[in-house]
Amino acid sequence: MSASSAETALVVALVKAGRTKIRYPADVVRDDGTRVTVRAPWAAPGVRDFGFVRFEPGDVFTEHYWRDRWFAVKEVRTGAGELKGWYCDITRPAVLRDAELLVEDLDLDLWVSADGSAVLRLDEDEFEESGLAERDPAAADAARRALDELEHLARAEGLATLLA
């Protein structure tokens, strides 16, 4: 699929530990063959309060998925357009097939606040408990490197340079 200016619909399927965690419709904003950018409203029911950010009905996510990188970066805005920050999932490279964007979540996450003052590594305990390092050491190493790369970018340049 290649979309440059015209928006096209697809379904994002987020898989974790072999099970579908969530599926939701999204509009393709751009697909350059390497990165797929989609936009979707907050898809989970109700509010999710992490303490450092709240995801809630009305929030809009502009999500960037790569076919050749081990992460996804989600820009989170309120319905009024105010930037909340970036939620980054460490994933296997995304696969687009028949209007479904398949993304395998590898448990590690990074949160970057809108002003860049907070850069938080998340769920490292879940990652260790997942057993990925024993089942697939190469994937576990790629996941750790991806988290380090994103954290470095967030602290040094900000994620906007990655998304330009």
C-alpha atoms as a PDB file:
ATOM      1  CA  MET A   1       0.000   0.000   0.000  1.00  0.00           C
ATOM      2  CA  SER A   2       1.244   3.444  -0.779  1.00  0.00           C
ATOM      3  CA  ALA A   3      -0.602   6.494   0.442  1.00  0.00           C
ATOM      4  CA  SER A   4       0.878   9.934   0.207  1.00  0.00           C
ATOM      5  CA  SER A   5      -1.863  12.520   0.443  1.00  0.00           C
ATOM      6  CA  ALA A   6      -5.171  10.654   0.236  1.00  0.00           C
ATOM      7  CA  GLU A   7      -6.143   8.951   3.475  1.00  0.00           C
ATOM      8  CA  THR A   8      -6.973   5.252   3.414  1.00  0.00           C
ATOM      9  CA  ALA A   9      -8.422   3.126   6.186  1.00  0.00           C
ATOM     10  CA  LEU A  10      -6.760   0.103   7.728  1.00  0.00           C
ATOM     11  CA  VAL A  11      -6.889  -1.872  10.966  1.00  0.00           C
ATOM     12  CA  VAL A  12      -4.027  -1.810  13.451  1.00  0.00           C
ATOM     13  CA  ALA A  13      -3.654  -5.173  15.217  1.00  0.00           C
ATOM     14  CA  LEU A  14      -1.434  -5.059  18.291  1.00  0.00           C
ATOM     15  CA  VAL A  15      -0.290  -8.544  19.305  1.00  0.00           C
ATOM     16  CA  LYS A  16       1.424  -9.376  22.578  1.00  0.00           C
ATOM     17  CA  ALA A  17       2.648 -12.819  23.655  1.00  0.00           C
ATOM     18  CA  GLY A  18       0.915 -14.416  20.684  1.00  0.00           C
ATOM     19  CA  ARG A  19      -2.530 -12.937  21.448  1.00  0.00           C
ATOM     20  CA  THR A  20      -4.271  -9.952  19.956  1.00  0.00           C
ATOM     21  CA  LYS A  21      -4.221  -7.224  22.591  1.00  0.00           C
ATOM     22  CA  ILE A  22      -6.297  -4.703  20.642  1.00  0.00           C
ATOM     23  CA  ARG A  23      -7.523  -4.046  17.103  1.00  0.00           C
ATOM     24  CA  TYR A  24      -8.737  -0.654  15.952  1.00  0.00           C
ATOM     25  CA  PRO A  25      -9.423   1.241  12.747  1.00  0.00           C
ATOM     26  CA  ALA A  26      -7.019   3.973  11.686  1.00  0.00           C
ATOM     27  CA  ASP A  27      -6.596   6.305   8.736  1.00  0.00           C
ATOM     28  CA  VAL A  28      -3.351   6.115   6.784  1.00  0.00           C
ATOM     29  CA  VAL A  29      -1.765   9.549   6.722  1.00  0.00           C
ATOM     30  CA  ARG A  30       1.365   8.468   4.858  1.00  0.00           C
ATOM     31  CA  ASP A  31       3.117   5.325   3.674  1.00  0.00           C
ATOM     32  CA  ASP A  32       6.523   5.801   2.060  1.00  0.00           C
ATOM     33  CA  GLY A  33       7.272   2.088   1.818  1.00  0.00           C
ATOM     34  CA  THR A  34       9.356   2.061   5.009  1.00  0.00           C
ATOM     35  CA  ARG A  35       7.263   4.029   7.510  1.00  0.00           C
ATOM     36  CA  VAL A  36       3.504   3.864   7.806  1.00  0.00           C
ATOM     37  CA  THR A  37       1.861   6.768   9.642  1.00  0.00           C
ATOM     38  CA  VAL A  38      -1.729   6.399  10.785  1.00  0.00           C
ATOM     39  CA  ARG A  39      -4.129   8.507  12.838  1.00  0.00           C
ATOM     40  CA  ALA A  40      -6.741   7.129  15.195  1.00  0.00           C
ATOM     41  CA  PRO A  41      -8.717   8.203  18.251  1.00  0.00           C
ATOM     42  CA  TRP A  42      -7.973   6.594  21.621  1.00  0.00           C
ATOM     43  CA  ALA A  43      -9.285   3.078  21.040  1.00  0.00           C
ATOM     44  CA  ALA A  44      -9.470   1.510  24.491  1.00  0.00           C
ATOM     45  CA  PRO A  45     -12.577   1.856  26.644  1.00  0.00           C
ATOM     46  CA  GLY A  46     -12.510   4.609  29.254  1.00  0.00           C
ATOM     47  CA  VAL A  47      -9.484   6.362  30.717  1.00  0.00           C
ATOM     48  CA  ARG A  48      -6.022   4.886  31.239  1.00  0.00           C
ATOM     49  CA  ASP A  49      -4.115   6.829  33.880  1.00  0.00           C
ATOM     50  CA  PHE A  50      -0.405   6.000  33.996  1.00  0.00           C
ATOM     51  CA  GLY A  51       0.360   8.665  36.612  1.00  0.00           C
ATOM     52  CA  PHE A  52       2.573  10.618  34.218  1.00  0.00           C
ATOM     53  CA  VAL A  53      -0.115  10.866  31.486  1.00  0.00           C
ATOM     54  CA  ARG A  54      -3.788  10.045  30.991  1.00  0.00           C
ATOM     55  CA  PHE A  55      -5.122   8.566  27.765  1.00  0.00           C
ATOM     56  CA  GLU A  56      -8.818   9.271  27.465  1.00  0.00           C
ATOM     57  CA  PRO A  57     -11.706   9.446  25.037  1.00  0.00           C
ATOM     58  CA  GLY A  58     -11.153  12.319  22.621  1.00  0.00           C
ATOM     59  CA  ASP A  59      -7.353  11.890  22.497  1.00  0.00           C
ATOM     60  CA  VAL A  60      -5.909  11.513  19.018  1.00  0.00           C
ATOM     61  CA  PHE A  61      -2.898   9.320  18.269  1.00  0.00           C
ATOM     62  CA  THR A  62      -0.676   9.851  15.232  1.00  0.00           C
ATOM     63  CA  GLU A  63       1.216   6.584  15.116  1.00  0.00           C
ATOM     64  CA  HIS A  64       4.434   5.909  13.212  1.00  0.00           C
ATOM     65  CA  TYR A  65       5.331   2.295  12.397  1.00  0.00           C
ATOM     66  CA  TRP A  66       8.445   1.139  10.587  1.00  0.00           C
ATOM     67  CA  ARG A  67       8.918  -1.949   8.486  1.00  0.00           C
ATOM     68  CA  ASP A  68      12.661  -1.933   9.256  1.00  0.00           C
ATOM     69  CA  ARG A  69      12.862  -0.709  12.875  1.00  0.00           C
ATOM     70  CA  TRP A  70      12.011  -2.309  16.176  1.00  0.00           C
ATOM     71  CA  PHE A  71       9.753   0.441  17.523  1.00  0.00           C
ATOM     72  CA  ALA A  72       6.612   2.481  16.994  1.00  0.00           C
ATOM     73  CA  VAL A  73       6.239   6.118  18.053  1.00  0.00           C
ATOM     74  CA  LYS A  74       2.797   7.463  18.934  1.00  0.00           C
ATOM     75  CA  GLU A  75       2.259  11.200  19.184  1.00  0.00           C
ATOM     76  CA  VAL A  76      -0.590  11.807  21.632  1.00  0.00           C
ATOM     77  CA  ARG A  77      -2.765  14.923  21.515  1.00  0.00           C
ATOM     78  CA  THR A  78      -5.954  15.993  23.229  1.00  0.00           C
ATOM     79  CA  GLY A  79      -9.053  16.357  21.096  1.00  0.00           C
ATOM     80  CA  ALA A  80      -8.330  20.106  21.107  1.00  0.00           C
ATOM     81  CA  GLY A  81      -4.887  19.478  19.611  1.00  0.00           C
ATOM     82  CA  GLU A  82      -2.684  20.012  22.683  1.00  0.00           C
ATOM     83  CA  LEU A  83       0.385  17.761  22.615  1.00  0.00           C
ATOM     84  CA  LYS A  84       0.589  15.404  25.599  1.00  0.00           C
ATOM     85  CA  GLY A  85       3.762  13.640  24.474  1.00  0.00           C
ATOM     86  CA  TRP A  86       5.016  10.530  22.720  1.00  0.00           C
ATOM     87  CA  TYR A  87       4.360   6.945  23.772  1.00  0.00           C
ATOM     88  CA  CYS A  88       6.853   4.581  22.170  1.00  0.00           C
ATOM     89  CA  ASP A  89       6.343   0.834  21.915  1.00  0.00           C
ATOM     90  CA  ILE A  90       9.248  -1.493  21.299  1.00  0.00           C
ATOM     91  CA  THR A  91       7.967  -3.894  18.641  1.00  0.00           C
ATOM     92  CA  ARG A  92       9.106  -6.168  15.895  1.00  0.00           C
ATOM     93  CA  PRO A  93       9.099  -4.386  12.524  1.00  0.00           C
ATOM     94  CA  ALA A  94       5.504  -3.768  11.406  1.00  0.00           C
ATOM     95  CA  VAL A  95       3.884  -5.835   8.660  1.00  0.00           C
ATOM     96  CA  LEU A  96       1.143  -4.403   6.428  1.00  0.00           C
ATOM     97  CA  ARG A  97      -1.005  -7.081   4.819  1.00  0.00           C
ATOM     98  CA  ASP A  98      -4.459  -6.731   3.277  1.00  0.00           C
ATOM     99  CA  ALA A  99      -5.341  -3.453   5.037  1.00  0.00           C
ATOM    100  CA  GLU A 100      -4.149  -4.798   8.412  1.00  0.00           C
ATOM    101  CA  LEU A 101      -1.068  -3.383  10.106  1.00  0.00           C
ATOM    102  CA  LEU A 102       0.281  -6.151  12.329  1.00  0.00           C
ATOM    103  CA  VAL A 103       2.476  -5.011  15.222  1.00  0.00           C
ATOM    104  CA  GLU A 104       4.032  -7.338  17.811  1.00  0.00           C
ATOM    105  CA  ASP A 105       4.543  -5.575  21.150  1.00  0.00           C
ATOM    106  CA  LEU A 106       7.714  -6.680  22.983  1.00  0.00           C
ATOM    107  CA  ASP A 107       6.778  -5.161  26.371  1.00  0.00           C
ATOM    108  CA  LEU A 108       9.377  -2.372  26.543  1.00  0.00           C
ATOM    109  CA  ASP A 109       8.055   1.195  26.288  1.00  0.00           C
ATOM    110  CA  LEU A 110       9.285   4.773  26.483  1.00  0.00           C
ATOM    111  CA  TRP A 111       7.314   7.878  27.414  1.00  0.00           C
ATOM    112  CA  VAL A 112       8.492  11.350  26.398  1.00  0.00           C
ATOM    113  CA  SER A 113       6.567  14.350  27.732  1.00  0.00           C
ATOM    114  CA  ALA A 114       5.510  17.151  25.374  1.00  0.00           C
ATOM    115  CA  ASP A 115       8.259  19.468  26.614  1.00  0.00           C
ATOM    116  CA  GLY A 116      10.876  16.679  26.627  1.00  0.00           C
ATOM    117  CA  SER A 117      11.593  17.096  30.340  1.00  0.00           C
ATOM    118  CA  ALA A 118      10.403  13.570  31.215  1.00  0.00           C
ATOM    119  CA  VAL A 119      11.876  10.569  29.399  1.00  0.00           C
ATOM    120  CA  LEU A 120      10.720   7.407  31.140  1.00  0.00           C
ATOM    121  CA  ARG A 121      11.702   3.808  30.392  1.00  0.00           C
ATOM    122  CA  LEU A 122       8.709   1.585  31.121  1.00  0.00           C
ATOM    123  CA  ASP A 123       7.913  -2.089  31.644  1.00  0.00           C
ATOM    124  CA  GLU A 124      11.493  -3.379  31.787  1.00  0.00           C
ATOM    125  CA  ASP A 125      10.344  -5.851  34.460  1.00  0.00           C
ATOM    126  CA  GLU A 126       7.600  -7.190  32.139  1.00  0.00           C
ATOM    127  CA  PHE A 127      10.168  -7.561  29.370  1.00  0.00           C
ATOM    128  CA  GLU A 128      12.482  -9.616  31.597  1.00  0.00           C
ATOM    129  CA  GLU A 129       9.568 -11.782  32.782  1.00  0.00           C
ATOM    130  CA  SER A 130       8.359 -12.380  29.207  1.00  0.00           C
ATOM    131  CA  GLY A 131      11.096 -14.928  28.555  1.00  0.00           C
ATOM    132  CA  LEU A 132      11.939 -13.395  25.166  1.00  0.00           C
ATOM    133  CA  ALA A 133      15.656 -13.406  25.976  1.00  0.00           C
ATOM    134  CA  GLU A 134      15.544 -17.197  26.349  1.00  0.00           C
ATOM    135  CA  ARG A 135      13.159 -17.886  23.427  1.00  0.00           C
ATOM    136  CA  ASP A 136      14.638 -15.447  20.934  1.00  0.00           C
ATOM    137  CA  PRO A 137      17.902 -13.836  22.125  1.00  0.00           C
ATOM    138  CA  ALA A 138      18.397 -11.929  18.854  1.00  0.00           C
ATOM    139  CA  ALA A 139      14.955 -10.312  19.149  1.00  0.00           C
ATOM    140  CA  ALA A 140      15.570  -9.456  22.804  1.00  0.00           C
ATOM    141  CA  ASP A 141      18.867  -7.786  21.881  1.00  0.00           C
ATOM    142  CA  ALA A 142      17.179  -5.848  19.046  1.00  0.00           C
ATOM    143  CA  ALA A 143      14.450  -4.717  21.464  1.00  0.00           C
ATOM    144  CA  ARG A 144      16.973  -3.463  24.025  1.00  0.00           C
ATOM    145  CA  ARG A 145      18.939  -1.619  21.331  1.00  0.00           C
ATOM    146  CA  ALA A 146      15.728  -0.024  20.019  1.00  0.00           C
ATOM    147  CA  LEU A 147      14.817   1.256  23.498  1.00  0.00           C
ATOM    148  CA  ASP A 148      18.328   2.652  23.975  1.00  0.00           C
ATOM    149  CA  GLU A 149      18.183   4.325  20.535  1.00  0.00           C
ATOM    150  CA  LEU A 150      14.826   5.970  21.240  1.00  0.00           C
ATOM    151  CA  GLU A 151      15.906   7.165  24.675  1.00  0.00           C
ATOM    152  CA  HIS A 152      19.098   8.628  23.219  1.00  0.00           C
ATOM    153  CA  LEU A 153      17.152  10.425  20.464  1.00  0.00           C
ATOM    154  CA  ALA A 154      14.594  11.751  22.949  1.00  0.00           C
ATOM    155  CA  ARG A 155      17.265  13.148  25.254  1.00  0.00           C
ATOM    156  CA  ALA A 156      19.634  14.463  22.566  1.00  0.00           C
ATOM    157  CA  GLU A 157      17.443  15.810  19.747  1.00  0.00           C
ATOM    158  CA  GLY A 158      13.847  15.097  20.626  1.00  0.00           C
ATOM    159  CA  LEU A 159      11.640  12.660  18.739  1.00  0.00           C
ATOM    160  CA  ALA A 160      10.402  15.279  16.276  1.00  0.00           C
ATOM    161  CA  THR A 161      13.587  14.818  14.228  1.00  0.00           C
ATOM    162  CA  LEU A 162      12.799  11.117  13.803  1.00  0.00           C
ATOM    163  CA  LEU A 163       9.253  11.880  12.674  1.00  0.00           C
ATOM    164  CA  ALA A 164      10.046  14.678  10.200  1.00  0.00           C
END
